Amino acid sequence: MAGDYQRGEMDISEQTATFEGFGQFTKWGSLALAVLLLTITLWFCTSAGFIGGLIPGVVLAVLGVVFLREKPAEAH
């Protein structure tokens, strides 16, 4: 039975998709958590108020999306 194994012949598409999905979830989830923490910290723990917390949160979200989005593959 162990002799039936041939290295490199197994379909790993599901494992690859799971790995890619986990990476994407981690990346975007971390951004969402950072935006939430920044916004509520400025809102409740400083005298900035709601707008003073919301504006930096929106700026962080926009910058995060710009820098974390997938770059298009170069065609040669």
C-alpha atoms as a PDB file:
ATOM      1  CA  MET A   1       0.000   0.000   0.000  1.00  0.00           C
ATOM      2  CA  ALA A   2       2.795   2.464   0.815  1.00  0.00           C
ATOM      3  CA  GLY A   3       4.378   1.634  -2.535  1.00  0.00           C
ATOM      4  CA  ASP A   4       1.353   3.073  -4.369  1.00  0.00           C
ATOM      5  CA  TYR A   5       2.292   6.621  -3.403  1.00  0.00           C
ATOM      6  CA  GLN A   6       3.917   8.668  -6.143  1.00  0.00           C
ATOM      7  CA  ARG A   7       5.318  12.021  -5.080  1.00  0.00           C
ATOM      8  CA  GLY A   8       3.760  15.019  -6.879  1.00  0.00           C
ATOM      9  CA  GLU A   9       0.747  13.206  -8.345  1.00  0.00           C
ATOM     10  CA  MET A  10      -1.835  14.132  -5.717  1.00  0.00           C
ATOM     11  CA  ASP A  11      -4.433  16.822  -6.494  1.00  0.00           C
ATOM     12  CA  ILE A  12      -3.859  19.611  -3.960  1.00  0.00           C
ATOM     13  CA  SER A  13      -6.273  22.185  -5.405  1.00  0.00           C
ATOM     14  CA  GLU A  14      -8.512  22.070  -2.310  1.00  0.00           C
ATOM     15  CA  GLN A  15      -5.575  22.590   0.045  1.00  0.00           C
ATOM     16  CA  THR A  16      -4.330  25.461  -2.122  1.00  0.00           C
ATOM     17  CA  ALA A  17      -7.765  27.102  -2.145  1.00  0.00           C
ATOM     18  CA  THR A  18      -8.045  26.733   1.640  1.00  0.00           C
ATOM     19  CA  PHE A  19      -4.604  28.275   2.150  1.00  0.00           C
ATOM     20  CA  GLU A  20      -5.429  31.207  -0.158  1.00  0.00           C
ATOM     21  CA  GLY A  21      -8.797  31.742   1.546  1.00  0.00           C
ATOM     22  CA  PHE A  22      -7.230  31.760   5.007  1.00  0.00           C
ATOM     23  CA  GLY A  23      -4.645  34.296   3.862  1.00  0.00           C
ATOM     24  CA  GLN A  24      -7.324  36.578   2.422  1.00  0.00           C
ATOM     25  CA  PHE A  25      -9.502  36.270   5.524  1.00  0.00           C
ATOM     26  CA  THR A  26      -6.552  37.077   7.771  1.00  0.00           C
ATOM     27  CA  LYS A  27      -5.522  40.097   5.690  1.00  0.00           C
ATOM     28  CA  TRP A  28      -8.956  41.700   5.401  1.00  0.00           C
ATOM     29  CA  GLY A  29     -10.028  40.705   8.905  1.00  0.00           C
ATOM     30  CA  SER A  30      -6.938  42.366  10.354  1.00  0.00           C
ATOM     31  CA  LEU A  31      -7.712  45.560   8.454  1.00  0.00           C
ATOM     32  CA  ALA A  32     -11.321  45.550   9.670  1.00  0.00           C
ATOM     33  CA  LEU A  33     -10.208  44.992  13.258  1.00  0.00           C
ATOM     34  CA  ALA A  34      -7.629  47.799  13.051  1.00  0.00           C
ATOM     35  CA  VAL A  35     -10.224  50.222  11.657  1.00  0.00           C
ATOM     36  CA  LEU A  36     -12.736  49.278  14.352  1.00  0.00           C
ATOM     37  CA  LEU A  37     -10.204  49.613  17.168  1.00  0.00           C
ATOM     38  CA  LEU A  38      -8.946  52.981  15.913  1.00  0.00           C
ATOM     39  CA  THR A  39     -12.457  54.359  15.507  1.00  0.00           C
ATOM     40  CA  ILE A  40     -13.862  53.290  18.857  1.00  0.00           C
ATOM     41  CA  THR A  41     -10.665  54.213  20.720  1.00  0.00           C
ATOM     42  CA  LEU A  42     -10.718  57.755  19.368  1.00  0.00           C
ATOM     43  CA  TRP A  43     -14.483  57.995  19.844  1.00  0.00           C
ATOM     44  CA  PHE A  44     -14.701  56.819  23.452  1.00  0.00           C
ATOM     45  CA  CYS A  45     -11.239  57.361  24.949  1.00  0.00           C
ATOM     46  CA  THR A  46     -10.437  60.853  23.720  1.00  0.00           C
ATOM     47  CA  SER A  47     -12.280  64.116  23.387  1.00  0.00           C
ATOM     48  CA  ALA A  48     -12.335  63.734  19.576  1.00  0.00           C
ATOM     49  CA  GLY A  49     -15.907  62.446  19.593  1.00  0.00           C
ATOM     50  CA  PHE A  50     -17.713  60.450  16.935  1.00  0.00           C
ATOM     51  CA  ILE A  51     -16.567  62.429  13.882  1.00  0.00           C
ATOM     52  CA  GLY A  52     -13.024  62.631  15.280  1.00  0.00           C
ATOM     53  CA  GLY A  53     -12.960  58.836  15.431  1.00  0.00           C
ATOM     54  CA  LEU A  54     -14.819  58.194  12.204  1.00  0.00           C
ATOM     55  CA  ILE A  55     -12.611  60.270   9.899  1.00  0.00           C
ATOM     56  CA  PRO A  56      -9.307  58.538  10.833  1.00  0.00           C
ATOM     57  CA  GLY A  57     -11.113  55.194  10.647  1.00  0.00           C
ATOM     58  CA  VAL A  58     -12.291  55.891   7.104  1.00  0.00           C
ATOM     59  CA  VAL A  59      -8.818  57.108   6.104  1.00  0.00           C
ATOM     60  CA  LEU A  60      -7.251  53.926   7.501  1.00  0.00           C
ATOM     61  CA  ALA A  61      -9.825  51.783   5.703  1.00  0.00           C
ATOM     62  CA  VAL A  62      -9.200  53.479   2.345  1.00  0.00           C
ATOM     63  CA  LEU A  63      -5.424  53.278   2.714  1.00  0.00           C
ATOM     64  CA  GLY A  64      -5.685  49.644   3.783  1.00  0.00           C
ATOM     65  CA  VAL A  65      -7.764  48.717   0.748  1.00  0.00           C
ATOM     66  CA  VAL A  66      -5.352  50.546  -1.574  1.00  0.00           C
ATOM     67  CA  PHE A  67      -2.279  48.827  -0.154  1.00  0.00           C
ATOM     68  CA  LEU A  68      -3.738  45.363   0.527  1.00  0.00           C
ATOM     69  CA  ARG A  69      -5.643  44.701  -2.686  1.00  0.00           C
ATOM     70  CA  GLU A  70      -4.305  42.130  -5.133  1.00  0.00           C
ATOM     71  CA  LYS A  71      -1.999  43.506  -7.784  1.00  0.00           C
ATOM     72  CA  PRO A  72      -2.888  42.508 -11.361  1.00  0.00           C
ATOM     73  CA  ALA A  73      -0.582  39.888 -12.803  1.00  0.00           C
ATOM     74  CA  GLU A  74       1.763  41.161 -15.470  1.00  0.00           C
ATOM     75  CA  ALA A  75       1.170  39.599 -18.872  1.00  0.00           C
ATOM     76  CA  HIS A  76       4.272  38.799 -20.894  1.00  0.00           C
END
